[in-house]
C-alpha atoms as a PDB file:
ATOM      1  CA  MET A   1       0.000   0.000   0.000  1.00  0.00           C
ATOM      2  CA  ALA A   2       2.622   2.536   1.074  1.00  0.00           C
ATOM      3  CA  LYS A   3       4.855   1.535  -1.825  1.00  0.00           C
ATOM      4  CA  GLU A   4       2.024   2.054  -4.309  1.00  0.00           C
ATOM      5  CA  LEU A   5       1.181   5.485  -2.924  1.00  0.00           C
ATOM      6  CA  VAL A   6       4.808   6.630  -2.885  1.00  0.00           C
ATOM      7  CA  GLU A   7       6.060   5.090  -6.127  1.00  0.00           C
ATOM      8  CA  LYS A   8       2.998   5.110  -8.376  1.00  0.00           C
ATOM      9  CA  TYR A   9       1.119   8.169  -7.115  1.00  0.00           C
ATOM     10  CA  GLY A  10       4.061  10.339  -6.058  1.00  0.00           C
ATOM     11  CA  TYR A  11       3.053  10.684  -2.427  1.00  0.00           C
ATOM     12  CA  THR A  12       5.686  11.710   0.075  1.00  0.00           C
ATOM     13  CA  GLN A  13       6.136   9.352   3.000  1.00  0.00           C
ATOM     14  CA  GLU A  14       4.497  11.989   5.204  1.00  0.00           C
ATOM     15  CA  LYS A  15       1.439  12.296   2.945  1.00  0.00           C
ATOM     16  CA  ALA A  16       1.092   8.491   2.693  1.00  0.00           C
ATOM     17  CA  ALA A  17       1.325   8.248   6.484  1.00  0.00           C
ATOM     18  CA  GLU A  18      -1.378  10.881   6.911  1.00  0.00           C
ATOM     19  CA  LYS A  19      -3.713   9.170   4.432  1.00  0.00           C
ATOM     20  CA  LEU A  20      -3.192   5.744   6.007  1.00  0.00           C
ATOM     21  CA  GLY A  21      -3.390   6.907   9.606  1.00  0.00           C
ATOM     22  CA  THR A  22       0.149   5.985  10.570  1.00  0.00           C
ATOM     23  CA  THR A  23       3.540   7.646  10.969  1.00  0.00           C
ATOM     24  CA  GLN A  24       6.275   8.515   8.487  1.00  0.00           C
ATOM     25  CA  PRO A  25       8.741   6.151  10.239  1.00  0.00           C
ATOM     26  CA  ALA A  26       6.213   3.316   9.835  1.00  0.00           C
ATOM     27  CA  ILE A  27       5.896   4.089   6.124  1.00  0.00           C
ATOM     28  CA  SER A  28       9.696   4.089   5.840  1.00  0.00           C
ATOM     29  CA  GLN A  29       9.811   0.636   7.449  1.00  0.00           C
ATOM     30  CA  TYR A  30       7.093  -0.694   5.113  1.00  0.00           C
ATOM     31  CA  LEU A  31       9.034   0.591   2.114  1.00  0.00           C
ATOM     32  CA  ALA A  32      12.206  -1.094   3.390  1.00  0.00           C
ATOM     33  CA  SER A  33      10.277  -4.370   3.985  1.00  0.00           C
ATOM     34  CA  LYS A  34      11.015  -4.183   7.701  1.00  0.00           C
ATOM     35  CA  ARG A  35       7.291  -4.255   8.501  1.00  0.00           C
ATOM     36  CA  GLY A  36       4.332  -6.114   7.103  1.00  0.00           C
ATOM     37  CA  ARG A  37       5.950  -9.514   6.531  1.00  0.00           C
ATOM     38  CA  LYS A  38       7.238 -10.277   9.994  1.00  0.00           C
ATOM     39  CA  GLY A  39       5.566 -13.029  11.922  1.00  0.00           C
ATOM     40  CA  ASN A  40       3.582 -14.513   9.066  1.00  0.00           C
ATOM     41  CA  PRO A  41       4.997 -17.873   8.024  1.00  0.00           C
ATOM     42  CA  ASN A  42       2.447 -17.979   5.182  1.00  0.00           C
ATOM     43  CA  TYR A  43       3.462 -14.629   3.689  1.00  0.00           C
ATOM     44  CA  ASP A  44       4.660 -16.067   0.393  1.00  0.00           C
ATOM     45  CA  GLU A  45       1.306 -17.774  -0.014  1.00  0.00           C
ATOM     46  CA  VAL A  46      -0.810 -14.696   0.744  1.00  0.00           C
ATOM     47  CA  GLU A  47       1.484 -12.107  -0.857  1.00  0.00           C
ATOM     48  CA  PRO A  48      -0.280 -12.068  -4.270  1.00  0.00           C
ATOM     49  CA  LEU A  49      -3.654 -11.433  -2.615  1.00  0.00           C
ATOM     50  CA  VAL A  50      -2.246  -8.772  -0.298  1.00  0.00           C
ATOM     51  CA  LYS A  51      -0.481  -7.025  -3.192  1.00  0.00           C
ATOM     52  CA  ALA A  52      -3.620  -7.089  -5.335  1.00  0.00           C
ATOM     53  CA  VAL A  53      -5.649  -5.563  -2.523  1.00  0.00           C
ATOM     54  CA  ALA A  54      -2.915  -2.985  -1.871  1.00  0.00           C
ATOM     55  CA  VAL A  55      -2.960  -1.880  -5.525  1.00  0.00           C
ATOM     56  CA  GLU A  56      -6.753  -1.591  -5.511  1.00  0.00           C
ATOM     57  CA  VAL A  57      -6.936   0.288  -2.220  1.00  0.00           C
ATOM     58  CA  ALA A  58      -4.002   2.582  -3.071  1.00  0.00           C
ATOM     59  CA  GLU A  59      -5.860   3.638  -6.191  1.00  0.00           C
ATOM     60  CA  SER A  60      -8.983   4.353  -4.129  1.00  0.00           C
ATOM     61  CA  VAL A  61      -6.977   6.312  -1.580  1.00  0.00           C
ATOM     62  CA  ALA A  62      -5.133   8.292  -4.264  1.00  0.00           C
ATOM     63  CA  LYS A  63      -8.014   8.988  -6.622  1.00  0.00           C
ATOM     64  CA  THR A  64     -10.897   9.357  -4.212  1.00  0.00           C
ATOM     65  CA  GLU A  65     -11.257  10.343  -0.644  1.00  0.00           C
ATOM     66  CA  MET A  66     -11.196   6.967   1.083  1.00  0.00           C
ATOM     67  CA  THR A  67     -11.173   7.785   4.765  1.00  0.00           C
ATOM     68  CA  GLN A  68      -8.742   6.303   7.263  1.00  0.00           C
ATOM     69  CA  GLU A  69     -11.669   4.431   8.804  1.00  0.00           C
ATOM     70  CA  GLU A  70     -12.696   2.940   5.449  1.00  0.00           C
ATOM     71  CA  PHE A  71      -9.073   1.963   4.802  1.00  0.00           C
ATOM     72  CA  SER A  72      -8.812   0.332   8.238  1.00  0.00           C
ATOM     73  CA  ASP A  73     -12.112  -1.504   7.800  1.00  0.00           C
ATOM     74  CA  TYR A  74     -11.073  -2.815   4.384  1.00  0.00           C
ATOM     75  CA  PHE A  75      -7.804  -4.242   5.660  1.00  0.00           C
ATOM     76  CA  CYS A  76      -9.373  -5.534   8.884  1.00  0.00           C
ATOM     77  CA  ASP A  77     -11.820  -7.525   6.756  1.00  0.00           C
ATOM     78  CA  LEU A  78      -8.946  -8.910   4.667  1.00  0.00           C
ATOM     79  CA  CYS A  79      -7.027  -9.929   7.796  1.00  0.00           C
ATOM     80  CA  LYS A  80     -10.115 -11.610   9.269  1.00  0.00           C
ATOM     81  CA  LYS A  81     -10.550 -13.645   6.086  1.00  0.00           C
ATOM     82  CA  LEU A  82      -6.875 -14.649   6.076  1.00  0.00           C
ATOM     83  CA  ARG A  83      -7.006 -15.626   9.761  1.00  0.00           C
ATOM     84  CA  LYS A  84     -10.165 -17.657   9.225  1.00  0.00           C
ATOM     85  CA  ALA A  85      -8.431 -19.491   6.363  1.00  0.00           C
ATOM     86  CA  GLY A  86      -5.436 -20.149   8.650  1.00  0.00           C
ATOM     87  CA  LYS A  87      -3.122 -17.988   6.546  1.00  0.00           C
ATOM     88  CA  MET A  88      -2.297 -15.339   9.143  1.00  0.00           C
ATOM     89  CA  PRO A  89      -1.383 -15.689  12.824  1.00  0.00           C
ATOM     90  CA  LYS A  90      -4.160 -14.647  15.188  1.00  0.00           C
ATOM     91  CA  GLU A  91      -1.900 -12.406  17.259  1.00  0.00           C
ATOM     92  CA  ARG A  92      -1.227  -9.887  14.459  1.00  0.00           C
ATOM     93  CA  LEU A  93      -1.279  -6.203  15.349  1.00  0.00           C
ATOM     94  CA  ARG A  94      -4.663  -4.594  14.948  1.00  0.00           C
ATOM     95  CA  ILE A  95      -5.206  -1.145  13.493  1.00  0.00           C
ATOM     96  CA  GLN A  96      -6.649   1.086  16.188  1.00  0.00           C
ATOM     97  CA  LYS A  97      -9.547   3.286  15.278  1.00  0.00           C
ATOM     98  CA  ASN A  98      -9.642   6.763  16.783  1.00  0.00           C
END
């Protein structure tokens, strides 16, 4: 998601962080692959789905006004589906809603 916004849509890390409801250092870590993959032994299996969703949602965030809450809800639903299918550990970090 962050990579799409920064590389494809020209967002700064700060602007991507603001849109996604996170911090610039978190965006930097996502771009450096230091976040997002950790702790998921099935990452290679779910990566194509996650990337496809990231491309779709990045476009919605960039071209429309998808709110942080809508973004969070979308990814929470994806994570729930992956957990239910046994593809993501249950103890993954949850996005907090303000």
